[in-house]
Amino acid sequence: TYYIMVESRDKGKTAGEYTLSVAGTRFPDPVQNNTPYDATALPLSEAGAGNANGWVGLGDSIDYYRIDPDRAGQVFVGVSGLTAKVKVTLYRADGKKLKSVSLSKDSADIFKGGLLLDRGTFYLSVESGDKGKGKQNSDYSISVAVNEYFPKGDTGNNELAAARTVNFDSATGTAALSNEWVGYGDAKDFFAFELDSASKVDLDLNYYNKDLRFGKDVKINLYDMATGKKIKLD
């Protein structure tokens, strides 16, 4: 509640008529999503897309959103509809800051090339450029897009003891694995196969989706299951 007082310049010795008018812009009512504990859910579609709208400024300096990717992926965040400066920050569930960007104009990719996120919970905050002091007030729209969810999560065969058994075809003496994947969120896969006699074994590897590669090629190792020792490959 505020009060306006109108007083004559000579403290009442003379009189005068006046008209008083009050006008301005009413800011939106504050939303109670000011901490990660009361963050607004930003659900992702099956295709990995989601969006939210809000406002930050005087009276509501920061908004938090919760994002729950169901597997590892390359994630892009866009911000639009800005009329003032805002600061956008991405956090892990444990509070660790992953990336923070300040911007005053729209951008479809504020983190420049996307970020690799593992499966889990993440928080995205949008904060007024002057922390709600009143000079940086803005509407905003957030878009989250997963360029491509990585095909698989952790398959569990990450060490020799958990190796997945591969059976040879008795007629051809060959074994094949298809549609397998390693990378962010599932660094290693171990497979076990048994030979009933001394043999010369050829190993062959083919990529089925090179578009997911963001770095070096994969590495193959061969081990003696009885001793755990690595076998040198030709």
Protein backbone atom coordinates (compact mmCIF):
# COMPACT_ATOMS: atom_id res chain seq x y z
CA THR A 1 0.00 0.00 0.00
CA TYR A 2 1.29 3.44 -0.94
CA TYR A 3 0.06 6.98 -0.16
CA ILE A 4 0.26 10.18 -2.20
CA MET A 5 0.20 13.55 -0.44
CA VAL A 6 -0.58 16.78 -2.29
CA GLU A 7 0.44 19.93 -0.40
CA SER A 8 0.34 23.61 -1.37
CA ARG A 9 3.73 25.20 -1.93
CA ASP A 10 3.11 27.80 0.77
CA LYS A 11 1.67 25.29 3.26
CA GLY A 12 -1.95 26.46 3.04
CA LYS A 13 -1.65 30.26 2.82
CA THR A 14 -3.18 30.18 -0.66
CA ALA A 15 -5.48 27.70 -2.41
CA GLY A 16 -5.56 26.10 -5.85
CA GLU A 17 -7.42 23.37 -7.70
CA TYR A 18 -5.67 20.29 -9.10
CA THR A 19 -6.36 17.01 -10.86
CA LEU A 20 -4.45 13.86 -9.84
CA SER A 21 -4.03 10.91 -12.18
CA VAL A 22 -2.07 7.69 -11.66
CA ALA A 23 -1.03 5.53 -14.63
CA GLY A 24 1.56 2.87 -15.30
CA THR A 25 2.20 -0.74 -16.25
CA ARG A 26 1.17 -3.47 -13.90
CA PHE A 27 3.70 -6.29 -13.74
CA PRO A 28 2.48 -9.91 -13.64
CA ASP A 29 1.74 -11.52 -10.31
CA PRO A 30 4.80 -13.43 -8.99
CA VAL A 31 5.03 -17.18 -9.57
CA GLN A 32 6.28 -19.23 -6.62
CA ASN A 33 9.05 -21.05 -8.45
CA ASN A 34 11.97 -19.13 -6.98
CA THR A 35 14.12 -22.11 -5.90
CA PRO A 36 14.87 -25.60 -7.25
CA TYR A 37 12.63 -27.00 -4.49
CA ASP A 38 9.52 -25.36 -5.96
CA ALA A 39 10.61 -25.42 -9.61
CA THR A 40 7.95 -25.56 -12.31
CA ALA A 41 8.02 -28.85 -14.26
CA LEU A 42 8.99 -28.45 -17.91
CA PRO A 43 7.92 -31.79 -19.40
CA LEU A 44 9.49 -33.14 -22.60
CA SER A 45 7.48 -34.83 -25.32
CA GLU A 46 8.34 -38.28 -26.62
CA ALA A 47 10.33 -36.51 -29.34
CA GLY A 48 12.30 -34.63 -26.68
CA ALA A 49 10.77 -31.14 -27.01
CA GLY A 50 9.28 -28.83 -24.37
CA ASN A 51 8.56 -25.16 -23.74
CA ALA A 52 7.52 -22.71 -21.05
CA ASN A 53 6.58 -19.03 -20.76
CA GLY A 54 7.19 -16.60 -17.94
CA TRP A 55 8.25 -13.16 -16.72
CA VAL A 56 11.05 -11.92 -14.47
CA GLY A 57 11.71 -8.51 -12.98
CA LEU A 58 10.66 -6.37 -10.05
CA GLY A 59 8.74 -8.51 -7.56
CA ASP A 60 9.68 -11.81 -9.20
CA SER A 61 13.40 -11.79 -9.97
CA ILE A 62 13.96 -15.48 -10.84
CA ASP A 63 12.07 -18.54 -12.10
CA TYR A 64 13.22 -22.17 -11.87
CA TYR A 65 12.19 -25.05 -14.14
CA ARG A 66 12.77 -28.78 -13.69
CA ILE A 67 13.72 -30.95 -16.67
CA ASP A 68 13.85 -34.76 -16.54
CA PRO A 69 15.40 -36.30 -19.69
CA ASP A 70 14.69 -40.03 -19.75
CA ARG A 71 18.10 -40.82 -21.29
CA ALA A 72 21.33 -39.14 -22.34
CA GLY A 73 21.11 -36.72 -25.24
CA GLN A 74 22.33 -33.54 -26.93
CA VAL A 75 20.08 -30.77 -25.65
CA PHE A 76 19.48 -27.31 -27.10
CA VAL A 77 17.90 -24.44 -25.15
CA GLY A 78 16.38 -21.37 -26.80
CA VAL A 79 15.00 -18.14 -25.31
CA SER A 80 12.69 -15.71 -27.12
CA GLY A 81 10.31 -12.82 -26.47
CA LEU A 82 12.88 -10.77 -24.52
CA THR A 83 12.51 -7.04 -23.92
CA ALA A 84 15.36 -6.75 -21.39
CA LYS A 85 18.43 -8.62 -20.22
CA VAL A 86 18.08 -12.02 -18.50
CA LYS A 87 20.49 -14.63 -17.17
CA VAL A 88 19.82 -18.30 -17.91
CA THR A 89 21.60 -21.02 -15.89
CA LEU A 90 21.52 -24.82 -16.07
CA TYR A 91 22.16 -26.90 -12.92
CA ARG A 92 22.49 -30.57 -12.07
CA ALA A 93 20.21 -32.03 -9.42
CA ASP A 94 23.00 -31.68 -6.83
CA GLY A 95 23.17 -27.92 -7.46
CA LYS A 96 26.33 -27.97 -9.60
CA LYS A 97 26.23 -25.20 -12.21
CA LEU A 98 26.76 -26.53 -15.73
CA LYS A 99 26.43 -23.40 -17.84
CA SER A 100 25.28 -19.79 -17.46
CA VAL A 101 24.52 -17.25 -20.20
CA SER A 102 23.35 -13.62 -20.08
CA LEU A 103 21.45 -12.33 -23.10
CA SER A 104 19.19 -9.44 -24.08
CA LYS A 105 18.01 -10.64 -27.48
CA ASP A 106 16.36 -13.83 -28.68
CA SER A 107 18.49 -16.90 -29.38
CA ALA A 108 17.48 -20.38 -30.54
CA ASP A 109 20.67 -21.91 -29.11
CA ILE A 110 21.90 -20.02 -26.05
CA PHE A 111 24.53 -22.64 -25.17
CA LYS A 112 26.09 -22.58 -28.68
CA GLY A 113 26.00 -26.08 -30.09
CA GLY A 114 23.92 -27.72 -27.39
CA LEU A 115 24.96 -29.57 -24.26
CA LEU A 116 25.41 -33.27 -23.60
CA LEU A 117 23.14 -34.24 -20.72
CA ASP A 118 22.99 -37.63 -19.06
CA ARG A 119 19.77 -39.18 -17.88
CA GLY A 120 18.60 -37.48 -14.66
CA THR A 121 17.09 -34.31 -13.25
CA PHE A 122 18.24 -30.82 -14.23
CA TYR A 123 17.16 -27.32 -13.27
CA LEU A 124 17.01 -24.29 -15.53
CA SER A 125 16.74 -20.81 -14.03
CA VAL A 126 15.79 -17.55 -15.74
CA GLU A 127 16.80 -14.44 -13.77
CA SER A 128 16.24 -10.73 -14.32
CA GLY A 129 19.39 -9.01 -15.61
CA ASP A 130 19.60 -6.75 -12.54
CA LYS A 131 18.34 -9.40 -10.07
CA GLY A 132 14.88 -7.84 -9.83
CA LYS A 133 15.88 -4.25 -9.00
CA GLY A 134 13.37 -2.97 -11.54
CA LYS A 135 15.29 -1.80 -14.60
CA GLN A 136 15.50 -5.21 -16.31
CA ASN A 137 11.95 -6.59 -16.58
CA SER A 138 11.02 -8.99 -19.37
CA ASP A 139 8.65 -11.62 -20.64
CA TYR A 140 10.34 -14.74 -22.02
CA SER A 141 9.68 -18.07 -23.69
CA ILE A 142 11.94 -21.10 -23.20
CA SER A 143 12.27 -23.93 -25.70
CA VAL A 144 14.08 -27.19 -24.96
CA ALA A 145 14.86 -29.55 -27.81
CA VAL A 146 16.76 -32.82 -27.78
CA ASN A 147 18.50 -33.02 -31.14
CA GLU A 148 18.49 -36.79 -30.87
CA TYR A 149 18.13 -38.96 -27.83
CA PHE A 150 21.05 -41.35 -27.78
CA PRO A 151 19.68 -44.77 -28.75
CA LYS A 152 20.23 -46.58 -25.47
CA GLY A 153 20.81 -45.97 -21.83
CA ASP A 154 23.21 -47.99 -19.70
CA THR A 155 22.84 -51.66 -20.68
CA GLY A 156 24.60 -52.91 -17.53
CA ASN A 157 27.41 -54.94 -19.14
CA ASN A 158 30.10 -52.45 -18.13
CA GLU A 159 32.75 -54.87 -16.80
CA LEU A 160 34.11 -58.35 -17.47
CA ALA A 161 32.09 -59.94 -14.67
CA ALA A 162 28.88 -58.62 -16.21
CA ALA A 163 29.70 -59.51 -19.82
CA ARG A 164 26.76 -60.54 -21.99
CA THR A 165 27.11 -64.02 -23.53
CA VAL A 166 27.20 -64.25 -27.32
CA ASN A 167 26.43 -67.61 -28.93
CA PHE A 168 28.04 -68.83 -32.14
CA ASP A 169 25.96 -70.22 -34.99
CA SER A 170 26.91 -73.92 -35.09
CA ALA A 171 26.51 -74.11 -38.87
CA THR A 172 28.52 -71.05 -39.88
CA GLY A 173 30.80 -70.65 -36.87
CA THR A 174 30.00 -66.95 -36.71
CA ALA A 175 28.37 -64.65 -34.19
CA ALA A 176 26.95 -61.19 -34.75
CA LEU A 177 25.73 -58.30 -32.62
CA SER A 178 23.55 -55.61 -34.13
CA ASN A 179 22.08 -52.32 -33.01
CA GLU A 180 24.55 -51.95 -30.12
CA TRP A 181 25.75 -48.57 -28.85
CA VAL A 182 28.43 -47.01 -26.64
CA GLY A 183 28.98 -43.40 -25.67
CA TYR A 184 27.71 -40.79 -23.26
CA GLY A 185 25.78 -42.53 -20.49
CA ASP A 186 27.10 -46.01 -21.40
CA ALA A 187 30.87 -45.90 -21.99
CA LYS A 188 31.62 -49.63 -22.27
CA ASP A 189 29.97 -52.86 -23.34
CA PHE A 190 31.49 -56.29 -22.55
CA PHE A 191 30.55 -59.48 -24.41
CA ALA A 192 31.63 -63.06 -23.69
CA PHE A 193 31.97 -65.89 -26.21
CA GLU A 194 33.36 -69.42 -25.84
CA LEU A 195 35.43 -71.41 -28.34
CA ASP A 196 35.37 -75.23 -28.17
CA SER A 197 38.71 -75.50 -29.98
CA ALA A 198 41.74 -73.38 -30.89
CA SER A 199 40.65 -70.98 -33.62
CA LYS A 200 41.55 -67.95 -35.64
CA VAL A 201 38.97 -65.28 -34.92
CA ASP A 202 38.22 -62.25 -37.07
CA LEU A 203 36.50 -59.24 -35.52
CA ASP A 204 34.68 -56.68 -37.62
CA LEU A 205 33.00 -53.44 -36.56
CA ASN A 206 30.55 -51.33 -38.54
CA TYR A 207 28.90 -48.03 -37.62
CA TYR A 208 25.19 -47.88 -38.18
CA ASN A 209 24.73 -44.20 -37.24
CA LYS A 210 27.80 -42.01 -37.67
CA ASP A 211 25.72 -38.86 -37.09
CA LEU A 212 25.92 -39.51 -33.33
CA ARG A 213 29.72 -39.30 -33.27
CA PHE A 214 31.05 -36.16 -31.59
CA GLY A 215 34.67 -37.24 -31.13
CA LYS A 216 37.04 -40.16 -31.65
CA ASP A 217 36.18 -43.64 -32.89
CA VAL A 218 35.45 -46.55 -30.58
CA LYS A 219 38.13 -48.87 -29.17
CA ILE A 220 37.98 -52.68 -29.11
CA ASN A 221 39.81 -54.86 -26.58
CA LEU A 222 39.94 -58.65 -26.34
CA TYR A 223 40.43 -60.41 -22.99
CA ASP A 224 41.11 -63.92 -21.72
CA MET A 225 38.11 -64.54 -19.48
CA ALA A 226 40.03 -67.04 -17.35
CA THR A 227 42.81 -64.63 -16.41
CA GLY A 228 41.30 -61.24 -17.22
CA LYS A 229 44.39 -60.36 -19.23
CA LYS A 230 44.14 -58.32 -22.41
CA ILE A 231 44.97 -60.19 -25.63
CA LYS A 232 46.95 -58.31 -28.25
CA LEU A 233 45.05 -57.78 -31.49
CA ASP A 234 46.77 -57.95 -34.90
